[in-house]
PDB file of N, CA and C in Angstrom:
ATOM      1  N   UNK A   1       0.358  -1.295   0.296  1.00  0.00           N
ATOM      2  CA  UNK A   1       0.044   0.468   0.055  1.00  0.00           C
ATOM      3  C   UNK A   1       1.024   1.043   0.112  1.00  0.00           C
ATOM      4  N   UNK A   2       0.632   2.517  -0.253  1.00  0.00           N
ATOM      5  CA  UNK A   2       1.796   3.707  -0.369  1.00  0.00           C
ATOM      6  C   UNK A   2       0.341   4.436   0.542  1.00  0.00           C
ATOM      7  N   UNK A   3       0.974   5.666   0.550  1.00  0.00           N
ATOM      8  CA  UNK A   3       1.097   6.242   2.278  1.00  0.00           C
ATOM      9  C   UNK A   3       1.731   7.751   1.146  1.00  0.00           C
ATOM     10  N   UNK A   4       0.934   8.972   0.880  1.00  0.00           N
ATOM     11  CA  UNK A   4       0.697  10.015   0.712  1.00  0.00           C
ATOM     12  C   UNK A   4       0.344  11.041   2.040  1.00  0.00           C
ATOM     13  N   UNK A   5       1.235  11.961   2.344  1.00  0.00           N
ATOM     14  CA  UNK A   5       0.559  13.471   3.166  1.00  0.00           C
ATOM     15  C   UNK A   5      -0.281  14.010   2.139  1.00  0.00           C
ATOM     16  N   UNK A   6      -0.334  13.511   1.031  1.00  0.00           N
ATOM     17  CA  UNK A   6      -1.681  14.682  -0.114  1.00  0.00           C
ATOM     18  C   UNK A   6      -3.065  14.448   0.760  1.00  0.00           C
ATOM     19  N   UNK A   7      -3.914  15.434   0.394  1.00  0.00           N
ATOM     20  CA  UNK A   7      -5.118  15.087   0.885  1.00  0.00           C
ATOM     21  C   UNK A   7      -5.812  14.208  -0.117  1.00  0.00           C
ATOM     22  N   UNK A   8      -6.754  13.403   0.818  1.00  0.00           N
ATOM     23  CA  UNK A   8      -7.637  12.417  -0.503  1.00  0.00           C
ATOM     24  C   UNK A   8      -8.379  12.965  -1.758  1.00  0.00           C
ATOM     25  N   UNK A   9      -8.333  14.676  -2.074  1.00  0.00           N
ATOM     26  CA  UNK A   9      -8.397  14.354  -3.966  1.00  0.00           C
ATOM     27  C   UNK A   9      -7.546  14.272  -4.244  1.00  0.00           C
ATOM     28  N   UNK A  10      -6.073  15.014  -3.906  1.00  0.00           N
ATOM     29  CA  UNK A  10      -5.794  15.152  -4.812  1.00  0.00           C
ATOM     30  C   UNK A  10      -4.136  13.916  -5.177  1.00  0.00           C
ATOM     31  N   UNK A  11      -4.412  13.136  -3.920  1.00  0.00           N
ATOM     32  CA  UNK A  11      -4.556  11.520  -4.164  1.00  0.00           C
ATOM     33  C   UNK A  11      -5.117  10.658  -5.190  1.00  0.00           C
ATOM     34  N   UNK A  12      -6.777  11.096  -5.203  1.00  0.00           N
ATOM     35  CA  UNK A  12      -7.584   9.811  -5.982  1.00  0.00           C
ATOM     36  C   UNK A  12      -6.820  10.574  -7.481  1.00  0.00           C
ATOM     37  N   UNK A  13      -7.030  11.724  -7.971  1.00  0.00           N
ATOM     38  CA  UNK A  13      -6.087  12.212  -9.120  1.00  0.00           C
ATOM     39  C   UNK A  13      -4.778  12.146  -8.985  1.00  0.00           C
ATOM     40  N   UNK A  14      -4.184  10.743  -8.612  1.00  0.00           N
ATOM     41  CA  UNK A  14      -2.779  10.784  -8.706  1.00  0.00           C
ATOM     42  C   UNK A  14      -3.336   9.314  -8.798  1.00  0.00           C
ATOM     43  N   UNK A  15      -4.171   8.912  -7.972  1.00  0.00           N
ATOM     44  CA  UNK A  15      -4.028   7.346  -7.757  1.00  0.00           C
ATOM     45  C   UNK A  15      -4.921   6.947  -9.585  1.00  0.00           C
ATOM     46  N   UNK A  16      -5.161   8.066  -9.940  1.00  0.00           N
ATOM     47  CA  UNK A  16      -6.194   7.604 -11.170  1.00  0.00           C
ATOM     48  C   UNK A  16      -5.708   8.233 -12.262  1.00  0.00           C
ATOM     49  N   UNK A  17      -4.572   9.037 -12.873  1.00  0.00           N
ATOM     50  CA  UNK A  17      -3.491   9.417 -13.315  1.00  0.00           C
ATOM     51  C   UNK A  17      -2.616   7.751 -13.456  1.00  0.00           C
ATOM     52  N   UNK A  18      -2.566   7.248 -13.091  1.00  0.00           N
ATOM     53  CA  UNK A  18      -1.397   6.489 -13.175  1.00  0.00           C
ATOM     54  C   UNK A  18      -1.884   4.991 -13.071  1.00  0.00           C
ATOM     55  N   UNK A  19      -3.153   4.832 -13.057  1.00  0.00           N
ATOM     56  CA  UNK A  19      -4.020   3.786 -12.786  1.00  0.00           C
ATOM     57  C   UNK A  19      -3.817   3.134 -11.010  1.00  0.00           C
ATOM     58  N   UNK A  20      -3.401   3.387 -10.856  1.00  0.00           N
ATOM     59  CA  UNK A  20      -2.250   2.433  -9.737  1.00  0.00           C
ATOM     60  C   UNK A  20      -4.126   1.253  -9.431  1.00  0.00           C
ATOM     61  N   UNK A  21      -3.928   0.413  -8.435  1.00  0.00           N
ATOM     62  CA  UNK A  21      -4.373  -0.816  -8.217  1.00  0.00           C
ATOM     63  C   UNK A  21      -4.134  -0.938  -6.808  1.00  0.00           C
ATOM     64  N   UNK A  22      -3.461  -1.049  -6.215  1.00  0.00           N
ATOM     65  CA  UNK A  22      -2.395  -1.084  -4.808  1.00  0.00           C
ATOM     66  C   UNK A  22      -3.277   0.366  -3.826  1.00  0.00           C
ATOM     67  N   UNK A  23      -3.649  -0.374  -3.108  1.00  0.00           N
ATOM     68  CA  UNK A  23      -4.194   1.031  -2.134  1.00  0.00           C
ATOM     69  C   UNK A  23      -3.409   1.932  -1.726  1.00  0.00           C
ATOM     70  N   UNK A  24      -4.119   3.464  -1.511  1.00  0.00           N
ATOM     71  CA  UNK A  24      -3.221   4.191  -1.120  1.00  0.00           C
ATOM     72  C   UNK A  24      -4.322   5.211   0.422  1.00  0.00           C
ATOM     73  N   UNK A  25      -3.026   5.798   1.677  1.00  0.00           N
ATOM     74  CA  UNK A  25      -3.697   6.182   2.428  1.00  0.00           C
ATOM     75  C   UNK A  25      -3.489   7.303   2.949  1.00  0.00           C
ATOM     76  N   UNK A  26      -4.620   8.149   2.479  1.00  0.00           N
ATOM     77  CA  UNK A  26      -4.335   9.509   2.787  1.00  0.00           C
ATOM     78  C   UNK A  26      -3.529   9.711   4.654  1.00  0.00           C
ATOM     79  N   UNK A  27      -2.390  10.350   4.279  1.00  0.00           N
ATOM     80  CA  UNK A  27      -2.183  11.133   5.843  1.00  0.00           C
ATOM     81  C   UNK A  27      -1.243  12.571   5.370  1.00  0.00           C
ATOM     82  N   UNK A  28      -2.745  13.231   5.213  1.00  0.00           N
ATOM     83  CA  UNK A  28      -1.867  14.999   5.877  1.00  0.00           C
ATOM     84  C   UNK A  28      -1.712  15.390   6.791  1.00  0.00           C
ATOM     85  N   UNK A  29      -1.820  14.982   8.144  1.00  0.00           N
ATOM     86  CA  UNK A  29      -1.197  15.476   9.578  1.00  0.00           C
ATOM     87  C   UNK A  29       0.085  14.817   9.332  1.00  0.00           C
ATOM     88  N   UNK A  30       0.324  14.008   8.697  1.00  0.00           N
ATOM     89  CA  UNK A  30       1.799  12.786   8.836  1.00  0.00           C
ATOM     90  C   UNK A  30       1.994  11.733   9.941  1.00  0.00           C
ATOM     91  N   UNK A  31       1.500  11.782  10.068  1.00  0.00           N
ATOM     92  CA  UNK A  31       1.390  10.493  11.661  1.00  0.00           C
ATOM     93  C   UNK A  31       1.614   9.132  11.219  1.00  0.00           C
ATOM     94  N   UNK A  32       1.817   8.894   9.746  1.00  0.00           N
ATOM     95  CA  UNK A  32       2.383   6.972   9.817  1.00  0.00           C
ATOM     96  C   UNK A  32       3.109   7.732   9.193  1.00  0.00           C
ATOM     97  N   UNK A  33       3.706   9.140   8.609  1.00  0.00           N
ATOM     98  CA  UNK A  33       4.908   8.724   7.780  1.00  0.00           C
ATOM     99  C   UNK A  33       6.220   9.480   9.100  1.00  0.00           C
ATOM    100  N   UNK A  34       5.910  10.682  10.326  1.00  0.00           N
ATOM    101  CA  UNK A  34       6.580  10.016  11.214  1.00  0.00           C
ATOM    102  C   UNK A  34       6.894   8.990  11.756  1.00  0.00           C
ATOM    103  N   UNK A  35       6.195   8.637  11.894  1.00  0.00           N
ATOM    104  CA  UNK A  35       6.122   6.592  12.941  1.00  0.00           C
ATOM    105  C   UNK A  35       7.285   6.458  11.733  1.00  0.00           C
ATOM    106  N   UNK A  36       7.392   6.521  10.726  1.00  0.00           N
ATOM    107  CA  UNK A  36       8.525   5.185   9.883  1.00  0.00           C
ATOM    108  C   UNK A  36       9.632   6.518   9.500  1.00  0.00           C
ATOM    109  N   UNK A  37       9.532   7.737  10.312  1.00  0.00           N
ATOM    110  CA  UNK A  37      10.768   8.260   9.799  1.00  0.00           C
ATOM    111  C   UNK A  37      10.961   8.732   8.886  1.00  0.00           C
ATOM    112  N   UNK A  38       9.782   8.667   7.939  1.00  0.00           N
ATOM    113  CA  UNK A  38      10.210   8.673   6.486  1.00  0.00           C
ATOM    114  C   UNK A  38      10.077  10.647   5.969  1.00  0.00           C
ATOM    115  N   UNK A  39       9.886  11.655   6.064  1.00  0.00           N
ATOM    116  CA  UNK A  39      10.283  13.116   6.451  1.00  0.00           C
ATOM    117  C   UNK A  39      11.041  13.195   5.522  1.00  0.00           C
ATOM    118  N   UNK A  40      11.250  14.550   4.861  1.00  0.00           N
ATOM    119  CA  UNK A  40      12.310  14.502   4.153  1.00  0.00           C
ATOM    120  C   UNK A  40      12.930  15.512   4.931  1.00  0.00           C
ATOM    121  N   UNK A  41      14.386  15.911   4.270  1.00  0.00           N
ATOM    122  CA  UNK A  41      15.354  16.402   5.263  1.00  0.00           C
ATOM    123  C   UNK A  41      14.807  17.461   6.252  1.00  0.00           C
ATOM    124  N   UNK A  42      14.425  17.958   5.788  1.00  0.00           N
ATOM    125  CA  UNK A  42      13.761  19.782   6.658  1.00  0.00           C
ATOM    126  C   UNK A  42      12.184  19.722   7.071  1.00  0.00           C
ATOM    127  N   UNK A  43      11.809  18.450   7.239  1.00  0.00           N
ATOM    128  CA  UNK A  43      11.121  17.817   8.106  1.00  0.00           C
ATOM    129  C   UNK A  43      10.036  18.083   7.330  1.00  0.00           C
ATOM    130  N   UNK A  44       9.512  18.436   6.334  1.00  0.00           N
ATOM    131  CA  UNK A  44       8.636  19.536   5.384  1.00  0.00           C
ATOM    132  C   UNK A  44       7.628  18.642   4.291  1.00  0.00           C
ATOM    133  N   UNK A  45       8.466  17.702   3.897  1.00  0.00           N
ATOM    134  CA  UNK A  45       7.414  17.057   3.165  1.00  0.00           C
ATOM    135  C   UNK A  45       8.087  16.106   3.601  1.00  0.00           C
ATOM    136  N   UNK A  46       7.789  14.576   3.398  1.00  0.00           N
ATOM    137  CA  UNK A  46       7.876  13.397   3.065  1.00  0.00           C
ATOM    138  C   UNK A  46       8.404  12.800   1.946  1.00  0.00           C
ATOM    139  N   UNK A  47       9.458  11.600   2.559  1.00  0.00           N
ATOM    140  CA  UNK A  47      10.642  11.435   1.346  1.00  0.00           C
ATOM    141  C   UNK A  47       9.993  10.254   0.801  1.00  0.00           C
ATOM    142  N   UNK A  48      10.172   9.635  -0.876  1.00  0.00           N
ATOM    143  CA  UNK A  48       9.472   8.666  -1.377  1.00  0.00           C
ATOM    144  C   UNK A  48      10.517   7.358  -0.820  1.00  0.00           C
ATOM    145  N   UNK A  49       9.748   6.279   0.098  1.00  0.00           N
ATOM    146  CA  UNK A  49      11.045   6.009   0.410  1.00  0.00           C
ATOM    147  C   UNK A  49       9.981   3.808   0.531  1.00  0.00           C
ATOM    148  N   UNK A  50       9.992   3.357   0.220  1.00  0.00           N
ATOM    149  CA  UNK A  50       9.854   2.202   0.512  1.00  0.00           C
ATOM    150  C   UNK A  50      10.056   1.083   1.245  1.00  0.00           C
ATOM    151  N   UNK A  51       9.082   0.654   2.859  1.00  0.00           N
ATOM    152  CA  UNK A  51       9.227  -0.131   4.036  1.00  0.00           C
ATOM    153  C   UNK A  51       8.401  -1.480   3.525  1.00  0.00           C
ATOM    154  N   UNK A  52       9.407  -2.736   3.403  1.00  0.00           N
ATOM    155  CA  UNK A  52       9.130  -3.918   3.326  1.00  0.00           C
ATOM    156  C   UNK A  52       8.488  -4.758   5.010  1.00  0.00           C
ATOM    157  N   UNK A  53       7.306  -4.174   4.837  1.00  0.00           N
ATOM    158  CA  UNK A  53       7.050  -4.856   6.148  1.00  0.00           C
ATOM    159  C   UNK A  53       6.689  -6.773   6.217  1.00  0.00           C
ATOM    160  N   UNK A  54       6.870  -7.497   6.935  1.00  0.00           N
ATOM    161  CA  UNK A  54       7.189  -9.214   7.189  1.00  0.00           C
ATOM    162  C   UNK A  54       5.919  -8.912   7.904  1.00  0.00           C
ATOM    163  N   UNK A  55       5.452 -10.529   7.418  1.00  0.00           N
ATOM    164  CA  UNK A  55       3.801 -10.878   7.827  1.00  0.00           C
ATOM    165  C   UNK A  55       4.391 -11.012   9.471  1.00  0.00           C
ATOM    166  N   UNK A  56       4.961 -10.606   9.899  1.00  0.00           N
ATOM    167  CA  UNK A  56       4.802 -10.855  11.208  1.00  0.00           C
ATOM    168  C   UNK A  56       4.988  -9.292  11.731  1.00  0.00           C
ATOM    169  N   UNK A  57       4.620  -8.651  11.052  1.00  0.00           N
ATOM    170  CA  UNK A  57       4.467  -6.962  11.296  1.00  0.00           C
ATOM    171  C   UNK A  57       5.452  -6.345  11.255  1.00  0.00           C
ATOM    172  N   UNK A  58       6.943  -6.983  10.938  1.00  0.00           N
ATOM    173  CA  UNK A  58       8.118  -6.671  11.283  1.00  0.00           C
ATOM    174  C   UNK A  58       8.638  -5.269  10.030  1.00  0.00           C
ATOM    175  N   UNK A  59       9.268  -4.503  10.109  1.00  0.00           N
ATOM    176  CA  UNK A  59       9.775  -4.352   9.377  1.00  0.00           C
ATOM    177  C   UNK A  59      11.115  -4.724   8.301  1.00  0.00           C
ATOM    178  N   UNK A  60      11.256  -5.434   7.781  1.00  0.00           N
ATOM    179  CA  UNK A  60      11.890  -6.391   7.570  1.00  0.00           C
ATOM    180  C   UNK A  60      13.605  -5.926   6.145  1.00  0.00           C
ATOM    181  N   UNK A  61      12.897  -4.802   5.603  1.00  0.00           N
ATOM    182  CA  UNK A  61      13.965  -4.212   4.902  1.00  0.00           C
ATOM    183  C   UNK A  61      13.468  -2.468   4.311  1.00  0.00           C
ATOM    184  N   UNK A  62      13.890  -1.938   4.090  1.00  0.00           N
ATOM    185  CA  UNK A  62      14.060  -0.043   4.070  1.00  0.00           C
ATOM    186  C   UNK A  62      14.710   0.032   2.924  1.00  0.00           C
ATOM    187  N   UNK A  63      14.099   0.954   1.769  1.00  0.00           N
ATOM    188  CA  UNK A  63      14.697   1.559   1.303  1.00  0.00           C
ATOM    189  C   UNK A  63      14.346   2.985   1.544  1.00  0.00           C
ATOM    190  N   UNK A  64      15.289   4.231   1.891  1.00  0.00           N
ATOM    191  CA  UNK A  64      14.845   5.966   2.720  1.00  0.00           C
ATOM    192  C   UNK A  64      14.728   6.325   0.745  1.00  0.00           C
ATOM    193  N   UNK A  65      15.836   6.450   0.089  1.00  0.00           N
ATOM    194  CA  UNK A  65      15.083   7.403  -1.115  1.00  0.00           C
ATOM    195  C   UNK A  65      14.751   6.297  -2.553  1.00  0.00           C
ATOM    196  N   UNK A  66      13.661   6.558  -2.541  1.00  0.00           N
ATOM    197  CA  UNK A  66      13.380   5.427  -3.849  1.00  0.00           C
ATOM    198  C   UNK A  66      13.392   6.189  -5.429  1.00  0.00           C
ATOM    199  N   UNK A  67      14.009   5.503  -6.124  1.00  0.00           N
ATOM    200  CA  UNK A  67      14.380   5.922  -8.128  1.00  0.00           C
ATOM    201  C   UNK A  67      13.386   5.094  -8.206  1.00  0.00           C
ATOM    202  N   UNK A  68      12.503   5.383  -9.132  1.00  0.00           N
ATOM    203  CA  UNK A  68      11.052   4.485  -9.772  1.00  0.00           C
ATOM    204  C   UNK A  68      12.076   3.796 -10.512  1.00  0.00           C
ATOM    205  N   UNK A  69      12.559   4.007 -11.646  1.00  0.00           N
ATOM    206  CA  UNK A  69      13.594   2.690 -12.730  1.00  0.00           C
ATOM    207  C   UNK A  69      14.135   1.599 -11.906  1.00  0.00           C
ATOM    208  N   UNK A  70      13.173   0.541 -11.974  1.00  0.00           N
ATOM    209  CA  UNK A  70      14.527  -0.576 -11.636  1.00  0.00           C
ATOM    210  C   UNK A  70      13.705  -0.945  -9.718  1.00  0.00           C
ATOM    211  N   UNK A  71      13.342  -0.024  -9.537  1.00  0.00           N
ATOM    212  CA  UNK A  71      12.800   0.099  -7.672  1.00  0.00           C
ATOM    213  C   UNK A  71      11.904  -1.294  -7.549  1.00  0.00           C
ATOM    214  N   UNK A  72      10.840  -1.721  -8.313  1.00  0.00           N
ATOM    215  CA  UNK A  72       9.933  -2.640  -7.892  1.00  0.00           C
ATOM    216  C   UNK A  72      10.939  -4.086  -8.253  1.00  0.00           C
ATOM    217  N   UNK A  73      11.363  -4.255  -9.803  1.00  0.00           N
ATOM    218  CA  UNK A  73      13.164  -5.133  -9.458  1.00  0.00           C
ATOM    219  C   UNK A  73      13.572  -6.262  -8.467  1.00  0.00           C
ATOM    220  N   UNK A  74      13.865  -4.181  -7.231  1.00  0.00           N
ATOM    221  CA  UNK A  74      14.872  -4.691  -6.396  1.00  0.00           C
ATOM    222  C   UNK A  74      13.475  -5.391  -5.246  1.00  0.00           C
ATOM    223  N   UNK A  75      12.875  -4.961  -4.768  1.00  0.00           N
ATOM    224  CA  UNK A  75      11.995  -5.135  -4.166  1.00  0.00           C
ATOM    225  C   UNK A  75      11.733  -6.711  -4.698  1.00  0.00           C
ATOM    226  N   UNK A  76      10.946  -7.055  -4.819  1.00  0.00           N
ATOM    227  CA  UNK A  76      11.419  -8.750  -5.735  1.00  0.00           C
ATOM    228  C   UNK A  76      11.650  -9.876  -5.675  1.00  0.00           C
ATOM    229  N   UNK A  77      13.248  -8.933  -5.707  1.00  0.00           N
ATOM    230  CA  UNK A  77      14.749  -9.283  -5.645  1.00  0.00           C
ATOM    231  C   UNK A  77      14.740  -9.483  -3.964  1.00  0.00           C
ATOM    232  N   UNK A  78      14.842  -8.412  -3.108  1.00  0.00           N
ATOM    233  CA  UNK A  78      14.614  -8.200  -1.590  1.00  0.00           C
ATOM    234  C   UNK A  78      13.862  -9.507  -1.052  1.00  0.00           C
ATOM    235  N   UNK A  79      12.510  -9.288  -1.825  1.00  0.00           N
ATOM    236  CA  UNK A  79      11.438 -10.434  -0.996  1.00  0.00           C
ATOM    237  C   UNK A  79      11.996 -11.866  -1.514  1.00  0.00           C
ATOM    238  N   UNK A  80      12.563 -11.964  -2.358  1.00  0.00           N
ATOM    239  CA  UNK A  80      12.887 -13.733  -2.254  1.00  0.00           C
ATOM    240  C   UNK A  80      14.016 -13.739  -1.738  1.00  0.00           C
ATOM    241  N   UNK A  81      15.051 -12.701  -1.143  1.00  0.00           N
ATOM    242  CA  UNK A  81      15.698 -13.325  -0.522  1.00  0.00           C
ATOM    243  C   UNK A  81      16.400 -13.487   0.431  1.00  0.00           C
ATOM    244  N   UNK A  82      14.843 -12.520   0.864  1.00  0.00           N
ATOM    245  CA  UNK A  82      14.754 -12.893   2.168  1.00  0.00           C
ATOM    246  C   UNK A  82      13.342 -14.141   2.893  1.00  0.00           C
ATOM    247  N   UNK A  83      12.576 -14.544   1.699  1.00  0.00           N
ATOM    248  CA  UNK A  83      12.053 -15.229   1.627  1.00  0.00           C
ATOM    249  C   UNK A  83      12.873 -17.018   1.952  1.00  0.00           C
ATOM    250  N   UNK A  84      14.098 -17.174   1.227  1.00  0.00           N
ATOM    251  CA  UNK A  84      14.764 -17.919   1.226  1.00  0.00           C
ATOM    252  C   UNK A  84      16.240 -18.472   2.450  1.00  0.00           C
ATOM    253  N   UNK A  85      16.392 -16.875   3.072  1.00  0.00           N
ATOM    254  CA  UNK A  85      16.673 -16.747   3.454  1.00  0.00           C
ATOM    255  C   UNK A  85      15.848 -17.402   5.106  1.00  0.00           C
ATOM    256  N   UNK A  86      14.572 -17.542   5.138  1.00  0.00           N
ATOM    257  CA  UNK A  86      13.681 -17.418   5.632  1.00  0.00           C
ATOM    258  C   UNK A  86      13.072 -18.895   6.061  1.00  0.00           C
ATOM    259  N   UNK A  87      13.011 -19.594   4.363  1.00  0.00           N
ATOM    260  CA  UNK A  87      12.568 -21.236   4.007  1.00  0.00           C
ATOM    261  C   UNK A  87      11.413 -21.177   4.689  1.00  0.00           C
ATOM    262  N   UNK A  88      10.155 -19.723   4.090  1.00  0.00           N
ATOM    263  CA  UNK A  88       9.755 -19.601   3.350  1.00  0.00           C
ATOM    264  C   UNK A  88       9.296 -19.248   1.819  1.00  0.00           C
TER     265      UNK A  88
END
């Protein structure tokens, strides 16, 4: 799922524009963003980050500064690597 500091109506335009098929959570008060420590250096906006959360609810891997190109492949490779390591 995605989390964005944008208001729901802005977020919906983004979802529609890019035909996103995963759930998005609007976090304009930045409660979730702060809980994950994902604010940008100046603390005003959030950085584009990815957090891989394991089935037990723990953060298994963090990509703190995401560049879109190739990122999905990197996430899939990490999931495979962690799954092999954990035997699941």
